[in-house]
C-alpha cells in the first residue's frame, strides 16, 4: 500500500514537471520574433525576443542610421560583415539557424561584393538561435 502512494506521488510530480516545462517552452516560443537592419558604412540595428515581427522590424530599423535593409530572424541568428579597409564599401549579411553559420555566410557575402578585409561588425540571435 505504501508503495502505491509513493508511485502516485512520483507520477504526479513528473506530470507537474512536464506541464511546467511545456509552459516554459510556450513562453519562449511566444517571444521569438527578431530583426536585424543593415546599411552602408557599418550602420546596423538589432531587435530580438519581441512578441511580433512588425515590432522587431520597427525597433531594428529605428536603431539603424541611413537607408537600411531589415531582415527578420525567428529562432535564428543574423550577422553583418564589413570591409575593414573600407567600412563604407562592401558589406554582407546573413540569417541562419546557428550563429556560426550566419557569421561565415555574412563574411562570404562581404568578400563576394568586393571586400578585401571582411570582419564581423555586428550579430544577434533570437530566442534559440
N, C-alpha and C. Protein backbone atom coordinates (compact mmCIF):
# COMPACT_ATOMS: atom_id res chain seq x y z
N UNK A 1 0.82 -1.19 0.00
CA UNK A 1 0.00 0.00 0.00
C UNK A 1 0.87 1.26 0.00
N UNK A 2 1.93 1.25 0.79
CA UNK A 2 2.82 2.39 0.85
C UNK A 2 3.50 2.63 -0.48
N UNK A 3 3.82 1.54 -1.19
CA UNK A 3 4.48 1.70 -2.50
C UNK A 3 3.53 2.33 -3.52
N UNK A 4 2.22 2.07 -3.43
CA UNK A 4 1.25 2.71 -4.32
C UNK A 4 1.22 4.22 -4.10
N UNK A 5 1.27 4.64 -2.86
CA UNK A 5 1.26 6.08 -2.52
C UNK A 5 2.51 6.74 -3.09
N UNK A 6 3.64 6.11 -2.91
CA UNK A 6 4.90 6.65 -3.44
C UNK A 6 4.85 6.72 -4.97
N UNK A 7 4.33 5.68 -5.59
CA UNK A 7 4.23 5.66 -7.04
C UNK A 7 3.31 6.77 -7.55
N UNK A 8 2.19 6.98 -6.88
CA UNK A 8 1.27 8.07 -7.27
C UNK A 8 1.92 9.43 -7.12
N UNK A 9 2.62 9.63 -6.01
CA UNK A 9 3.29 10.92 -5.78
C UNK A 9 4.37 11.17 -6.85
N UNK A 10 5.09 10.14 -7.19
CA UNK A 10 6.11 10.28 -8.25
C UNK A 10 5.45 10.61 -9.58
N UNK A 11 4.35 9.93 -9.88
CA UNK A 11 3.64 10.18 -11.14
C UNK A 11 3.12 11.61 -11.18
N UNK A 12 2.56 12.09 -10.06
CA UNK A 12 2.04 13.46 -10.01
C UNK A 12 3.18 14.48 -10.14
N UNK A 13 4.30 14.19 -9.50
CA UNK A 13 5.44 15.09 -9.60
C UNK A 13 5.91 15.22 -11.05
N UNK A 14 6.07 14.10 -11.74
CA UNK A 14 6.54 14.14 -13.13
C UNK A 14 5.51 14.76 -14.07
N UNK A 15 4.23 14.57 -13.76
CA UNK A 15 3.19 15.22 -14.56
C UNK A 15 3.29 16.74 -14.40
N UNK A 16 3.40 17.20 -13.14
CA UNK A 16 3.52 18.64 -12.89
C UNK A 16 4.78 19.21 -13.52
N UNK A 17 5.85 18.46 -13.44
CA UNK A 17 7.11 18.91 -14.05
C UNK A 17 6.97 19.05 -15.56
N UNK A 18 6.32 18.10 -16.21
CA UNK A 18 6.15 18.17 -17.66
C UNK A 18 5.25 19.32 -18.06
N UNK A 19 4.24 19.64 -17.25
CA UNK A 19 3.37 20.79 -17.53
C UNK A 19 4.19 22.08 -17.43
N UNK A 20 5.04 22.19 -16.41
CA UNK A 20 5.88 23.38 -16.26
C UNK A 20 6.85 23.54 -17.43
N UNK A 21 7.47 22.46 -17.84
CA UNK A 21 8.41 22.52 -18.96
C UNK A 21 7.69 22.92 -20.24
N UNK A 22 6.53 22.36 -20.49
CA UNK A 22 5.75 22.71 -21.68
C UNK A 22 5.34 24.17 -21.64
N UNK A 23 4.96 24.67 -20.48
CA UNK A 23 4.59 26.08 -20.35
C UNK A 23 5.76 27.01 -20.59
N UNK A 24 6.91 26.66 -20.06
CA UNK A 24 8.11 27.48 -20.27
C UNK A 24 8.50 27.49 -21.74
N UNK A 25 8.36 26.37 -22.39
CA UNK A 25 8.68 26.28 -23.82
C UNK A 25 7.74 27.16 -24.63
N UNK A 26 6.46 27.20 -24.25
CA UNK A 26 5.49 28.03 -24.94
C UNK A 26 5.82 29.51 -24.78
N UNK A 27 6.24 29.91 -23.59
CA UNK A 27 6.60 31.30 -23.34
C UNK A 27 7.79 31.69 -24.20
N UNK A 28 8.79 30.85 -24.28
CA UNK A 28 9.97 31.12 -25.10
C UNK A 28 9.59 31.27 -26.57
N UNK A 29 8.73 30.39 -27.07
CA UNK A 29 8.34 30.46 -28.47
C UNK A 29 7.45 31.67 -28.76
N UNK A 30 6.68 32.10 -27.78
CA UNK A 30 5.79 33.24 -27.99
C UNK A 30 6.60 34.51 -28.22
N UNK A 31 7.76 34.64 -27.59
CA UNK A 31 8.60 35.81 -27.75
C UNK A 31 9.82 35.44 -28.58
N UNK A 32 9.59 35.12 -29.82
CA UNK A 32 10.68 34.65 -30.66
C UNK A 32 10.73 35.38 -31.99
N UNK A 33 10.40 36.66 -31.99
CA UNK A 33 10.49 37.44 -33.22
C UNK A 33 11.65 38.41 -33.08
N UNK A 34 12.51 38.41 -34.07
CA UNK A 34 13.65 39.31 -34.06
C UNK A 34 13.89 39.90 -35.43
N UNK A 35 14.68 40.96 -35.49
CA UNK A 35 15.01 41.59 -36.76
C UNK A 35 16.41 42.17 -36.69
N UNK A 36 17.00 42.31 -37.85
CA UNK A 36 18.36 42.83 -37.98
C UNK A 36 18.34 43.78 -39.17
N UNK A 37 18.75 45.01 -38.96
CA UNK A 37 18.78 46.01 -40.03
C UNK A 37 20.23 46.31 -40.37
N UNK A 38 20.56 46.39 -41.65
CA UNK A 38 21.92 46.67 -42.09
C UNK A 38 21.92 47.76 -43.14
N UNK A 39 22.99 48.55 -43.16
CA UNK A 39 23.10 49.63 -44.14
C UNK A 39 24.55 49.95 -44.44
N UNK A 40 24.78 50.96 -45.24
CA UNK A 40 26.12 51.39 -45.65
C UNK A 40 26.92 51.92 -44.46
N UNK A 41 28.22 51.87 -44.61
CA UNK A 41 29.17 52.41 -43.63
C UNK A 41 29.03 51.77 -42.25
N UNK A 42 28.66 50.51 -42.22
CA UNK A 42 28.58 49.78 -40.96
C UNK A 42 27.35 50.05 -40.12
N UNK A 43 26.36 50.73 -40.69
CA UNK A 43 25.14 51.02 -39.94
C UNK A 43 24.36 49.73 -39.69
N UNK A 44 23.85 49.59 -38.48
CA UNK A 44 23.04 48.41 -38.17
C UNK A 44 22.10 48.69 -37.00
N UNK A 45 21.12 47.87 -36.86
CA UNK A 45 20.20 47.89 -35.74
C UNK A 45 19.76 46.46 -35.49
N UNK A 46 19.44 46.16 -34.26
CA UNK A 46 19.03 44.80 -33.94
C UNK A 46 17.93 44.80 -32.89
N UNK A 47 17.07 43.83 -32.99
CA UNK A 47 16.00 43.64 -32.02
C UNK A 47 15.73 42.15 -31.92
N UNK A 48 15.59 41.66 -30.71
CA UNK A 48 15.36 40.22 -30.55
C UNK A 48 14.41 39.95 -29.40
N UNK A 49 13.78 38.79 -29.46
CA UNK A 49 12.83 38.32 -28.46
C UNK A 49 11.61 39.25 -28.32
N UNK A 50 11.14 39.77 -29.44
CA UNK A 50 9.91 40.56 -29.46
C UNK A 50 8.72 39.63 -29.64
N UNK A 51 7.55 40.11 -29.27
CA UNK A 51 6.33 39.32 -29.39
C UNK A 51 5.82 39.21 -30.81
N UNK A 52 6.15 40.18 -31.67
CA UNK A 52 5.65 40.19 -33.05
C UNK A 52 6.75 40.68 -33.99
N UNK A 53 6.72 40.15 -35.21
CA UNK A 53 7.74 40.53 -36.21
C UNK A 53 7.74 42.02 -36.51
N UNK A 54 6.54 42.62 -36.66
CA UNK A 54 6.49 44.04 -37.02
C UNK A 54 7.10 44.92 -35.92
N UNK A 55 6.97 44.51 -34.66
CA UNK A 55 7.59 45.26 -33.56
C UNK A 55 9.12 45.16 -33.64
N UNK A 56 9.61 43.97 -33.90
CA UNK A 56 11.06 43.76 -34.01
C UNK A 56 11.62 44.53 -35.19
N UNK A 57 10.93 44.49 -36.33
CA UNK A 57 11.39 45.23 -37.52
C UNK A 57 11.49 46.73 -37.23
N UNK A 58 10.46 47.28 -36.60
CA UNK A 58 10.44 48.71 -36.29
C UNK A 58 11.58 49.09 -35.35
N UNK A 59 11.82 48.27 -34.33
CA UNK A 59 12.89 48.55 -33.37
C UNK A 59 14.27 48.49 -34.02
N UNK A 60 14.50 47.50 -34.86
CA UNK A 60 15.80 47.38 -35.54
C UNK A 60 16.00 48.53 -36.52
N UNK A 61 14.96 48.86 -37.26
CA UNK A 61 15.04 49.95 -38.25
C UNK A 61 15.32 51.28 -37.56
N UNK A 62 14.73 51.49 -36.40
CA UNK A 62 14.92 52.74 -35.65
C UNK A 62 16.38 52.92 -35.22
N UNK A 63 17.07 51.83 -34.91
CA UNK A 63 18.47 51.90 -34.48
C UNK A 63 19.43 52.11 -35.64
N UNK A 64 19.05 51.71 -36.82
CA UNK A 64 19.93 51.76 -37.98
C UNK A 64 19.87 53.15 -38.63
N UNK A 65 21.00 53.78 -38.76
CA UNK A 65 21.07 55.14 -39.34
C UNK A 65 21.28 55.07 -40.85
N UNK A 66 20.45 55.76 -41.60
CA UNK A 66 20.57 55.78 -43.05
C UNK A 66 19.57 54.85 -43.72
N UNK A 67 19.85 54.53 -44.97
CA UNK A 67 18.99 53.65 -45.76
C UNK A 67 19.36 52.20 -45.42
N UNK A 68 18.51 51.54 -44.66
CA UNK A 68 18.83 50.21 -44.16
C UNK A 68 17.86 49.15 -44.66
N UNK A 69 18.39 47.97 -44.86
CA UNK A 69 17.59 46.80 -45.21
C UNK A 69 17.32 46.03 -43.93
N UNK A 70 16.07 45.65 -43.71
CA UNK A 70 15.73 44.92 -42.49
C UNK A 70 15.29 43.51 -42.83
N UNK A 71 15.87 42.54 -42.14
CA UNK A 71 15.51 41.14 -42.30
C UNK A 71 15.04 40.61 -40.95
N UNK A 72 14.16 39.64 -40.99
CA UNK A 72 13.67 39.06 -39.73
C UNK A 72 14.42 37.78 -39.41
N UNK A 73 14.43 37.46 -38.14
CA UNK A 73 15.03 36.21 -37.69
C UNK A 73 14.13 35.65 -36.60
N UNK A 74 13.71 34.44 -36.80
CA UNK A 74 12.85 33.78 -35.83
C UNK A 74 13.55 32.49 -35.41
N UNK A 75 13.96 32.45 -34.14
CA UNK A 75 14.76 31.34 -33.62
C UNK A 75 15.97 31.12 -34.53
N UNK A 76 16.68 32.23 -34.81
CA UNK A 76 17.83 32.19 -35.72
C UNK A 76 18.82 33.28 -35.31
N UNK A 77 19.91 33.36 -36.04
CA UNK A 77 20.94 34.37 -35.81
C UNK A 77 21.20 35.15 -37.09
N UNK A 78 21.53 36.42 -36.93
CA UNK A 78 21.88 37.27 -38.06
C UNK A 78 23.25 37.88 -37.79
N UNK A 79 23.99 38.13 -38.86
CA UNK A 79 25.31 38.74 -38.71
C UNK A 79 25.57 39.68 -39.88
N UNK A 80 26.40 40.68 -39.62
CA UNK A 80 26.81 41.65 -40.65
C UNK A 80 28.32 41.73 -40.66
N UNK A 81 28.89 41.71 -41.85
CA UNK A 81 30.32 41.82 -42.04
C UNK A 81 30.62 43.04 -42.89
N UNK A 82 31.66 43.79 -42.54
CA UNK A 82 32.07 44.95 -43.34
C UNK A 82 33.53 44.79 -43.74
N UNK A 83 33.94 45.56 -44.75
CA UNK A 83 35.33 45.58 -45.19
C UNK A 83 36.10 46.53 -44.28
N UNK A 84 37.01 45.99 -43.50
CA UNK A 84 37.78 46.78 -42.54
C UNK A 84 38.61 47.87 -43.23
N UNK A 85 39.10 47.58 -44.43
CA UNK A 85 39.92 48.57 -45.14
C UNK A 85 39.07 49.68 -45.75
N UNK A 86 37.76 49.48 -45.89
CA UNK A 86 36.86 50.50 -46.44
C UNK A 86 35.46 50.27 -45.85
N UNK A 87 35.20 50.73 -44.62
CA UNK A 87 33.94 50.47 -43.94
C UNK A 87 32.69 50.94 -44.70
N UNK A 88 32.86 51.90 -45.60
CA UNK A 88 31.71 52.37 -46.39
C UNK A 88 31.62 51.65 -47.73
N UNK A 89 32.43 50.64 -47.91
CA UNK A 89 32.42 49.86 -49.15
C UNK A 89 31.57 48.61 -49.03
N UNK A 90 32.16 47.51 -49.39
CA UNK A 90 31.45 46.23 -49.42
C UNK A 90 31.01 45.79 -48.03
N UNK A 91 29.86 45.16 -47.97
CA UNK A 91 29.39 44.54 -46.73
C UNK A 91 28.51 43.35 -47.09
N UNK A 92 28.28 42.50 -46.12
CA UNK A 92 27.42 41.35 -46.33
C UNK A 92 26.68 41.02 -45.06
N UNK A 93 25.54 40.37 -45.20
CA UNK A 93 24.78 39.94 -44.04
C UNK A 93 24.11 38.61 -44.34
N UNK A 94 23.74 37.91 -43.28
CA UNK A 94 23.11 36.60 -43.43
C UNK A 94 22.26 36.28 -42.21
N UNK A 95 21.23 35.48 -42.42
CA UNK A 95 20.40 34.95 -41.34
C UNK A 95 20.40 33.44 -41.48
N UNK A 96 20.82 32.76 -40.43
CA UNK A 96 20.93 31.30 -40.43
C UNK A 96 20.46 30.77 -39.08
N UNK A 97 20.17 29.47 -39.01
CA UNK A 97 19.70 28.89 -37.75
C UNK A 97 20.72 28.92 -36.61
N UNK A 98 21.99 28.90 -36.91
CA UNK A 98 23.04 28.89 -35.88
C UNK A 98 23.99 30.06 -36.10
N UNK A 99 24.57 30.56 -35.00
CA UNK A 99 25.45 31.73 -35.08
C UNK A 99 26.67 31.47 -35.96
N UNK A 100 27.27 30.30 -35.87
CA UNK A 100 28.47 30.03 -36.67
C UNK A 100 28.17 30.12 -38.16
N UNK A 101 27.04 29.59 -38.57
CA UNK A 101 26.66 29.64 -39.99
C UNK A 101 26.39 31.06 -40.44
N UNK A 102 25.76 31.87 -39.60
CA UNK A 102 25.46 33.25 -40.00
C UNK A 102 26.74 34.08 -40.07
N UNK A 103 27.69 33.88 -39.15
CA UNK A 103 28.96 34.60 -39.20
C UNK A 103 29.73 34.26 -40.47
N UNK A 104 29.81 32.98 -40.79
CA UNK A 104 30.53 32.55 -42.00
C UNK A 104 29.86 33.08 -43.27
N UNK A 105 28.55 32.98 -43.35
CA UNK A 105 27.83 33.42 -44.55
C UNK A 105 27.94 34.93 -44.73
N UNK A 106 27.85 35.71 -43.65
CA UNK A 106 27.98 37.17 -43.76
C UNK A 106 29.36 37.55 -44.26
N UNK A 107 30.39 36.88 -43.76
CA UNK A 107 31.75 37.16 -44.21
C UNK A 107 31.92 36.81 -45.68
N UNK A 108 31.39 35.67 -46.10
CA UNK A 108 31.46 35.29 -47.53
C UNK A 108 30.76 36.32 -48.41
N UNK A 109 29.60 36.82 -47.96
CA UNK A 109 28.87 37.84 -48.74
C UNK A 109 29.69 39.11 -48.90
N UNK A 110 30.37 39.53 -47.85
CA UNK A 110 31.21 40.72 -47.92
C UNK A 110 32.31 40.54 -48.96
N UNK A 111 32.98 39.40 -48.94
CA UNK A 111 34.03 39.13 -49.94
C UNK A 111 33.43 39.05 -51.34
N UNK A 112 32.26 38.47 -51.44
CA UNK A 112 31.59 38.33 -52.74
C UNK A 112 31.33 39.69 -53.39
N UNK A 113 31.04 40.70 -52.57
CA UNK A 113 30.75 42.02 -53.10
C UNK A 113 31.97 42.94 -53.13
N UNK A 114 33.17 42.35 -53.06
CA UNK A 114 34.39 43.13 -53.27
C UNK A 114 35.19 43.46 -52.03
N UNK A 115 34.81 43.00 -50.88
CA UNK A 115 35.55 43.28 -49.67
C UNK A 115 36.95 42.67 -49.70
N UNK A 116 37.91 43.36 -49.12
CA UNK A 116 39.30 42.88 -49.09
C UNK A 116 39.68 42.33 -47.71
N UNK A 117 39.19 42.95 -46.63
CA UNK A 117 39.47 42.53 -45.26
C UNK A 117 38.15 42.49 -44.48
N UNK A 118 37.31 41.54 -44.76
CA UNK A 118 35.98 41.49 -44.15
C UNK A 118 36.02 40.99 -42.72
N UNK A 119 35.35 41.72 -41.84
CA UNK A 119 35.26 41.37 -40.42
C UNK A 119 33.80 41.52 -39.98
N UNK A 120 33.44 40.80 -38.93
CA UNK A 120 32.09 40.90 -38.40
C UNK A 120 31.92 42.22 -37.67
N UNK A 121 30.90 42.97 -38.03
CA UNK A 121 30.59 44.25 -37.41
C UNK A 121 29.58 44.08 -36.29
N UNK A 122 28.57 43.23 -36.51
CA UNK A 122 27.52 43.01 -35.52
C UNK A 122 26.85 41.67 -35.74
N UNK A 123 26.25 41.16 -34.69
CA UNK A 123 25.48 39.91 -34.80
C UNK A 123 24.45 39.89 -33.68
N UNK A 124 23.41 39.10 -33.87
CA UNK A 124 22.37 38.92 -32.86
C UNK A 124 21.68 37.60 -33.08
N UNK A 125 21.22 37.00 -32.01
CA UNK A 125 20.44 35.77 -32.08
C UNK A 125 19.11 35.99 -31.39
N UNK A 126 18.08 35.37 -31.92
CA UNK A 126 16.75 35.49 -31.33
C UNK A 126 16.35 34.16 -30.72
N UNK A 127 15.94 34.18 -29.50
CA UNK A 127 15.47 33.01 -28.74
C UNK A 127 16.48 31.88 -28.78
N UNK A 128 16.24 30.85 -29.58
CA UNK A 128 17.10 29.67 -29.53
C UNK A 128 18.08 29.57 -30.69
N UNK A 129 18.39 30.67 -31.35
CA UNK A 129 19.31 30.63 -32.48
C UNK A 129 20.72 30.35 -32.08
